[in-house]
Amino acid sequence: MSCGTGRSTGELLPPRLAAVELLNVIRPTVAVCWFVAYAGHALHRWPQHRQRLAAGDTAFAEAFAHELRRFYPFAPFIGGRAVRDLTWRGDRIPRFSMVLLHLWGQNHDTELWGDPFVFRPERFLGHDIGAFELVPQGGGDPVTNHRCPGEPSTVSILRDLVIRLARLDYDVPEQDLTISLRRVPARPRSGFVLTPAGVRP
């Protein structure tokens, strides 16, 4: 395994680096699981989207995936340390300070999103997303900024899974579907429990 480290195939990675690489593979899979729970939640709250998704409209499914990532708080915020002393918009940030990016706040900013508390996948149809606009998994370029490099994989997998979920015939038993912004990562309290149609839980 080389993993971009310059090591030849067959040479083992140091344990810490191997653990980081393994987490980089697992992390997008876990992110997709959370977003699929949000997809179930969204289809339950706004069932009018099911028919278009079930018909296999991939452009709408991708827009739906982006709106899930904008609307729902997978990670309400992320943090990092300043690598040097800097000033941003008049605020002094000393080196090694913890800086938090309020992802949920950015994705619900009324200056960036019309009706930010309305779930509307159509806002992403034919819309090129800026690097610092939609930031559910960080912002900027994943090579140089704090953005998840697995984001394109998350979007592709989620696009396909929401179509499959919309085609399923299921019931949603009574459960607690509240989402607390105090939990990181945030998720529906019950997860999202569904049962095959007509089957009693």
C-alpha atoms as a PDB file:
ATOM      1  CA  MET A   1       0.000   0.000   0.000  1.00  0.00           C
ATOM      2  CA  SER A   2       1.474   3.359  -0.958  1.00  0.00           C
ATOM      3  CA  CYS A   3      -1.370   5.791  -0.055  1.00  0.00           C
ATOM      4  CA  GLY A   4       0.590   8.680  -1.549  1.00  0.00           C
ATOM      5  CA  THR A   5       3.359   8.335   1.046  1.00  0.00           C
ATOM      6  CA  GLY A   6       6.107   7.521  -1.423  1.00  0.00           C
ATOM      7  CA  ARG A   7       6.421   4.002   0.011  1.00  0.00           C
ATOM      8  CA  SER A   8       6.638   1.037  -2.290  1.00  0.00           C
ATOM      9  CA  THR A   9       3.817  -1.485  -2.502  1.00  0.00           C
ATOM     10  CA  GLY A  10       4.189  -4.150   0.157  1.00  0.00           C
ATOM     11  CA  GLU A  11       5.947  -1.895   2.646  1.00  0.00           C
ATOM     12  CA  LEU A  12       3.903  -1.432   5.826  1.00  0.00           C
ATOM     13  CA  LEU A  13       2.779   1.980   7.010  1.00  0.00           C
ATOM     14  CA  PRO A  14       3.581   3.118  10.541  1.00  0.00           C
ATOM     15  CA  PRO A  15       0.607   2.214  12.800  1.00  0.00           C
ATOM     16  CA  ARG A  16      -0.510   5.832  13.337  1.00  0.00           C
ATOM     17  CA  LEU A  17      -0.478   6.618   9.611  1.00  0.00           C
ATOM     18  CA  ALA A  18      -2.266   3.341   8.827  1.00  0.00           C
ATOM     19  CA  ALA A  19      -4.975   4.250  11.372  1.00  0.00           C
ATOM     20  CA  VAL A  20      -5.418   7.687   9.763  1.00  0.00           C
ATOM     21  CA  GLU A  21      -5.723   6.120   6.300  1.00  0.00           C
ATOM     22  CA  LEU A  22      -8.247   3.572   7.566  1.00  0.00           C
ATOM     23  CA  LEU A  23     -10.333   6.350   9.143  1.00  0.00           C
ATOM     24  CA  ASN A  24     -10.221   8.242   5.842  1.00  0.00           C
ATOM     25  CA  VAL A  25     -11.894   5.221   4.209  1.00  0.00           C
ATOM     26  CA  ILE A  26     -14.454   4.696   7.005  1.00  0.00           C
ATOM     27  CA  ARG A  27     -15.411   8.337   7.565  1.00  0.00           C
ATOM     28  CA  PRO A  28     -17.326   8.894   4.269  1.00  0.00           C
ATOM     29  CA  THR A  29     -19.226   5.623   4.825  1.00  0.00           C
ATOM     30  CA  VAL A  30     -20.317   6.774   8.280  1.00  0.00           C
ATOM     31  CA  ALA A  31     -21.269  10.193   6.880  1.00  0.00           C
ATOM     32  CA  VAL A  32     -23.461   8.523   4.265  1.00  0.00           C
ATOM     33  CA  CYS A  33     -25.227   6.475   6.977  1.00  0.00           C
ATOM     34  CA  TRP A  34     -26.132   9.646   8.867  1.00  0.00           C
ATOM     35  CA  PHE A  35     -27.327  11.355   5.685  1.00  0.00           C
ATOM     36  CA  VAL A  36     -29.467   8.334   4.717  1.00  0.00           C
ATOM     37  CA  ALA A  37     -31.191   8.652   8.120  1.00  0.00           C
ATOM     38  CA  TYR A  38     -31.797  12.313   7.265  1.00  0.00           C
ATOM     39  CA  ALA A  39     -33.144  11.245   3.856  1.00  0.00           C
ATOM     40  CA  GLY A  40     -35.709   9.020   5.559  1.00  0.00           C
ATOM     41  CA  HIS A  41     -36.575  11.887   7.891  1.00  0.00           C
ATOM     42  CA  ALA A  42     -36.958  14.307   4.943  1.00  0.00           C
ATOM     43  CA  LEU A  43     -39.095  11.912   2.887  1.00  0.00           C
ATOM     44  CA  HIS A  44     -41.306  11.417   5.935  1.00  0.00           C
ATOM     45  CA  ARG A  45     -41.709  15.196   6.451  1.00  0.00           C
ATOM     46  CA  TRP A  46     -41.957  16.113   2.754  1.00  0.00           C
ATOM     47  CA  PRO A  47     -43.387  13.059   0.947  1.00  0.00           C
ATOM     48  CA  GLN A  48     -44.103  15.110  -2.188  1.00  0.00           C
ATOM     49  CA  HIS A  49     -40.479  14.457  -3.269  1.00  0.00           C
ATOM     50  CA  ARG A  50     -40.830  10.661  -3.287  1.00  0.00           C
ATOM     51  CA  GLN A  51     -42.439  10.314  -6.705  1.00  0.00           C
ATOM     52  CA  ARG A  52     -39.773  12.306  -8.542  1.00  0.00           C
ATOM     53  CA  LEU A  53     -36.978  10.438  -6.772  1.00  0.00           C
ATOM     54  CA  ALA A  54     -38.618   7.033  -7.306  1.00  0.00           C
ATOM     55  CA  ALA A  55     -38.871   7.817 -11.032  1.00  0.00           C
ATOM     56  CA  GLY A  56     -35.064   7.882 -11.106  1.00  0.00           C
ATOM     57  CA  ASP A  57     -34.513  11.591 -11.818  1.00  0.00           C
ATOM     58  CA  THR A  58     -30.778  11.626 -11.008  1.00  0.00           C
ATOM     59  CA  ALA A  59     -30.399  15.411 -11.376  1.00  0.00           C
ATOM     60  CA  PHE A  60     -33.166  15.906  -8.810  1.00  0.00           C
ATOM     61  CA  ALA A  61     -31.689  13.144  -6.608  1.00  0.00           C
ATOM     62  CA  GLU A  62     -28.341  14.970  -6.542  1.00  0.00           C
ATOM     63  CA  ALA A  63     -30.109  18.255  -5.773  1.00  0.00           C
ATOM     64  CA  PHE A  64     -32.004  16.423  -3.007  1.00  0.00           C
ATOM     65  CA  ALA A  65     -28.675  15.126  -1.640  1.00  0.00           C
ATOM     66  CA  HIS A  66     -27.241  18.653  -1.570  1.00  0.00           C
ATOM     67  CA  GLU A  67     -30.361  20.016   0.135  1.00  0.00           C
ATOM     68  CA  LEU A  68     -30.149  17.239   2.759  1.00  0.00           C
ATOM     69  CA  ARG A  69     -26.561  18.245   3.432  1.00  0.00           C
ATOM     70  CA  ARG A  70     -27.525  21.923   3.641  1.00  0.00           C
ATOM     71  CA  PHE A  71     -30.692  21.558   5.703  1.00  0.00           C
ATOM     72  CA  TYR A  72     -29.698  18.872   8.216  1.00  0.00           C
ATOM     73  CA  PRO A  73     -26.952  19.346  10.829  1.00  0.00           C
ATOM     74  CA  PHE A  74     -24.626  16.370  10.266  1.00  0.00           C
ATOM     75  CA  ALA A  75     -21.964  18.332  12.132  1.00  0.00           C
ATOM     76  CA  PRO A  76     -23.245  21.621  13.580  1.00  0.00           C
ATOM     77  CA  PHE A  77     -19.669  22.926  13.603  1.00  0.00           C
ATOM     78  CA  ILE A  78     -16.062  21.927  12.963  1.00  0.00           C
ATOM     79  CA  GLY A  79     -12.911  23.235  14.562  1.00  0.00           C
ATOM     80  CA  GLY A  80      -9.257  23.732  13.842  1.00  0.00           C
ATOM     81  CA  ARG A  81      -6.237  25.514  15.261  1.00  0.00           C
ATOM     82  CA  ALA A  82      -4.746  28.637  13.721  1.00  0.00           C
ATOM     83  CA  VAL A  83      -1.291  27.759  12.386  1.00  0.00           C
ATOM     84  CA  ARG A  84      -0.057  31.379  12.695  1.00  0.00           C
ATOM     85  CA  ASP A  85      -1.120  34.741  14.115  1.00  0.00           C
ATOM     86  CA  LEU A  86      -3.670  36.315  11.810  1.00  0.00           C
ATOM     87  CA  THR A  87      -6.421  38.899  11.553  1.00  0.00           C
ATOM     88  CA  TRP A  88      -9.750  38.096   9.915  1.00  0.00           C
ATOM     89  CA  ARG A  89     -12.292  40.871   9.321  1.00  0.00           C
ATOM     90  CA  GLY A  90     -10.716  42.939  12.067  1.00  0.00           C
ATOM     91  CA  ASP A  91     -10.585  40.140  14.639  1.00  0.00           C
ATOM     92  CA  ARG A  92      -7.157  39.057  15.900  1.00  0.00           C
ATOM     93  CA  ILE A  93      -6.678  35.285  16.016  1.00  0.00           C
ATOM     94  CA  PRO A  94      -3.493  34.244  17.853  1.00  0.00           C
ATOM     95  CA  ARG A  95      -1.499  31.233  16.695  1.00  0.00           C
ATOM     96  CA  PHE A  96      -2.772  27.919  18.126  1.00  0.00           C
ATOM     97  CA  SER A  97      -6.214  29.409  18.913  1.00  0.00           C
ATOM     98  CA  MET A  98      -9.163  27.106  18.364  1.00  0.00           C
ATOM     99  CA  VAL A  99     -11.350  28.413  15.554  1.00  0.00           C
ATOM    100  CA  LEU A 100     -14.867  27.047  15.052  1.00  0.00           C
ATOM    101  CA  LEU A 101     -16.781  27.150  11.774  1.00  0.00           C
ATOM    102  CA  HIS A 102     -20.530  27.171  12.384  1.00  0.00           C
ATOM    103  CA  LEU A 103     -21.565  24.879   9.521  1.00  0.00           C
ATOM    104  CA  TRP A 104     -25.253  24.782  10.378  1.00  0.00           C
ATOM    105  CA  GLY A 105     -25.336  28.577  10.700  1.00  0.00           C
ATOM    106  CA  GLN A 106     -23.605  29.068   7.342  1.00  0.00           C
ATOM    107  CA  ASN A 107     -25.991  26.637   5.660  1.00  0.00           C
ATOM    108  CA  HIS A 108     -28.976  28.539   7.117  1.00  0.00           C
ATOM    109  CA  ASP A 109     -27.691  32.075   6.517  1.00  0.00           C
ATOM    110  CA  THR A 110     -30.491  34.210   5.048  1.00  0.00           C
ATOM    111  CA  GLU A 111     -27.936  36.216   3.051  1.00  0.00           C
ATOM    112  CA  LEU A 112     -26.819  33.059   1.222  1.00  0.00           C
ATOM    113  CA  TRP A 113     -30.002  31.001   1.054  1.00  0.00           C
ATOM    114  CA  GLY A 114     -33.494  32.225   0.255  1.00  0.00           C
ATOM    115  CA  ASP A 115     -35.908  30.719   2.790  1.00  0.00           C
ATOM    116  CA  PRO A 116     -33.129  28.747   4.543  1.00  0.00           C
ATOM    117  CA  PHE A 117     -35.558  26.886   6.822  1.00  0.00           C
ATOM    118  CA  VAL A 118     -37.584  25.573   3.882  1.00  0.00           C
ATOM    119  CA  PHE A 119     -36.508  22.176   2.514  1.00  0.00           C
ATOM    120  CA  ARG A 120     -36.328  22.861  -1.236  1.00  0.00           C
ATOM    121  CA  PRO A 121     -34.073  20.596  -3.349  1.00  0.00           C
ATOM    122  CA  GLU A 122     -34.904  22.626  -6.477  1.00  0.00           C
ATOM    123  CA  ARG A 123     -32.534  25.355  -5.253  1.00  0.00           C
ATOM    124  CA  PHE A 124     -29.641  23.134  -6.405  1.00  0.00           C
ATOM    125  CA  LEU A 125     -30.951  22.278  -9.872  1.00  0.00           C
ATOM    126  CA  GLY A 126     -28.655  23.899 -12.441  1.00  0.00           C
ATOM    127  CA  HIS A 127     -26.717  25.636  -9.660  1.00  0.00           C
ATOM    128  CA  ASP A 128     -22.918  25.587  -9.491  1.00  0.00           C
ATOM    129  CA  ILE A 129     -22.028  25.450  -5.801  1.00  0.00           C
ATOM    130  CA  GLY A 130     -19.244  27.778  -4.658  1.00  0.00           C
ATOM    131  CA  ALA A 131     -16.380  26.383  -2.585  1.00  0.00           C
ATOM    132  CA  PHE A 132     -17.366  28.529   0.416  1.00  0.00           C
ATOM    133  CA  GLU A 133     -21.149  28.456  -0.121  1.00  0.00           C
ATOM    134  CA  LEU A 134     -22.474  25.003   0.843  1.00  0.00           C
ATOM    135  CA  VAL A 135     -20.271  23.772   3.694  1.00  0.00           C
ATOM    136  CA  PRO A 136     -21.793  20.730   5.432  1.00  0.00           C
ATOM    137  CA  GLN A 137     -18.449  18.917   5.260  1.00  0.00           C
ATOM    138  CA  GLY A 138     -16.141  21.905   5.510  1.00  0.00           C
ATOM    139  CA  GLY A 139     -15.339  24.708   3.085  1.00  0.00           C
ATOM    140  CA  GLY A 140     -12.915  25.546   0.316  1.00  0.00           C
ATOM    141  CA  ASP A 141     -10.677  23.184  -1.631  1.00  0.00           C
ATOM    142  CA  PRO A 142     -10.066  19.826   0.109  1.00  0.00           C
ATOM    143  CA  VAL A 143      -6.378  19.986  -0.879  1.00  0.00           C
ATOM    144  CA  THR A 144      -5.664  23.368   0.711  1.00  0.00           C
ATOM    145  CA  ASN A 145      -8.603  24.099   3.025  1.00  0.00           C
ATOM    146  CA  HIS A 146     -10.704  22.424   5.709  1.00  0.00           C
ATOM    147  CA  ARG A 147     -13.041  20.383   3.494  1.00  0.00           C
ATOM    148  CA  CYS A 148     -13.650  16.635   3.480  1.00  0.00           C
ATOM    149  CA  PRO A 149     -11.969  14.991   0.467  1.00  0.00           C
ATOM    150  CA  GLY A 150     -14.644  12.275   0.588  1.00  0.00           C
ATOM    151  CA  GLU A 151     -17.463  14.750  -0.099  1.00  0.00           C
ATOM    152  CA  PRO A 152     -17.914  13.855  -3.822  1.00  0.00           C
ATOM    153  CA  SER A 153     -18.198  10.174  -2.854  1.00  0.00           C
ATOM    154  CA  THR A 154     -20.747  11.040  -0.165  1.00  0.00           C
ATOM    155  CA  VAL A 155     -22.858  12.974  -2.683  1.00  0.00           C
ATOM    156  CA  SER A 156     -22.690  10.214  -5.342  1.00  0.00           C
ATOM    157  CA  ILE A 157     -23.610   7.425  -2.941  1.00  0.00           C
ATOM    158  CA  LEU A 158     -26.354   9.494  -1.333  1.00  0.00           C
ATOM    159  CA  ARG A 159     -27.798  10.409  -4.757  1.00  0.00           C
ATOM    160  CA  ASP A 160     -28.214   6.722  -5.586  1.00  0.00           C
ATOM    161  CA  LEU A 161     -29.465   5.709  -2.139  1.00  0.00           C
ATOM    162  CA  VAL A 162     -32.218   8.344  -1.943  1.00  0.00           C
ATOM    163  CA  ILE A 163     -33.682   6.950  -5.182  1.00  0.00           C
ATOM    164  CA  ARG A 164     -33.692   3.452  -3.704  1.00  0.00           C
ATOM    165  CA  LEU A 165     -35.181   4.683  -0.430  1.00  0.00           C
ATOM    166  CA  ALA A 166     -37.966   6.536  -2.278  1.00  0.00           C
ATOM    167  CA  ARG A 167     -38.854   3.304  -4.113  1.00  0.00           C
ATOM    168  CA  LEU A 168     -39.239   1.259  -0.926  1.00  0.00           C
ATOM    169  CA  ASP A 169     -42.693   0.518   0.464  1.00  0.00           C
ATOM    170  CA  TYR A 170     -42.369   1.077   4.212  1.00  0.00           C
ATOM    171  CA  ASP A 171     -44.125   2.385   7.290  1.00  0.00           C
ATOM    172  CA  VAL A 172     -42.665   4.740   9.871  1.00  0.00           C
ATOM    173  CA  PRO A 173     -43.621   3.587  13.382  1.00  0.00           C
ATOM    174  CA  GLU A 174     -44.057   6.153  16.136  1.00  0.00           C
ATOM    175  CA  GLN A 175     -40.641   7.332  17.307  1.00  0.00           C
ATOM    176  CA  ASP A 176     -38.739  10.430  18.447  1.00  0.00           C
ATOM    177  CA  LEU A 177     -37.575  12.218  15.297  1.00  0.00           C
ATOM    178  CA  THR A 178     -36.336  15.366  17.032  1.00  0.00           C
ATOM    179  CA  ILE A 179     -32.812  16.481  16.159  1.00  0.00           C
ATOM    180  CA  SER A 180     -30.700  18.200  18.808  1.00  0.00           C
ATOM    181  CA  LEU A 181     -27.953  20.611  17.761  1.00  0.00           C
ATOM    182  CA  ARG A 182     -26.241  19.790  21.068  1.00  0.00           C
ATOM    183  CA  ARG A 183     -25.232  16.352  19.801  1.00  0.00           C
ATOM    184  CA  VAL A 184     -22.179  16.031  17.532  1.00  0.00           C
ATOM    185  CA  PRO A 185     -22.720  14.547  15.083  1.00  0.00           C
ATOM    186  CA  ALA A 186     -26.395  15.447  15.228  1.00  0.00           C
ATOM    187  CA  ARG A 187     -29.009  12.897  14.172  1.00  0.00           C
ATOM    188  CA  PRO A 188     -32.695  12.077  14.680  1.00  0.00           C
ATOM    189  CA  ARG A 189     -32.998  10.860  18.285  1.00  0.00           C
ATOM    190  CA  SER A 190     -34.476   7.514  17.180  1.00  0.00           C
ATOM    191  CA  GLY A 191     -32.125   7.260  14.214  1.00  0.00           C
ATOM    192  CA  PHE A 192     -34.830   6.698  11.639  1.00  0.00           C
ATOM    193  CA  VAL A 193     -36.719   3.458  12.130  1.00  0.00           C
ATOM    194  CA  LEU A 194     -38.787   2.072   9.280  1.00  0.00           C
ATOM    195  CA  THR A 195     -40.530  -1.250   8.799  1.00  0.00           C
ATOM    196  CA  PRO A 196     -41.646  -3.020   5.617  1.00  0.00           C
ATOM    197  CA  ALA A 197     -45.202  -1.952   4.758  1.00  0.00           C
ATOM    198  CA  GLY A 198     -47.825  -3.929   6.659  1.00  0.00           C
ATOM    199  CA  VAL A 199     -45.354  -5.442   9.170  1.00  0.00           C
ATOM    200  CA  ARG A 200     -46.000  -4.587  12.818  1.00  0.00           C
ATOM    201  CA  PRO A 201     -42.844  -3.604  14.765  1.00  0.00           C
END
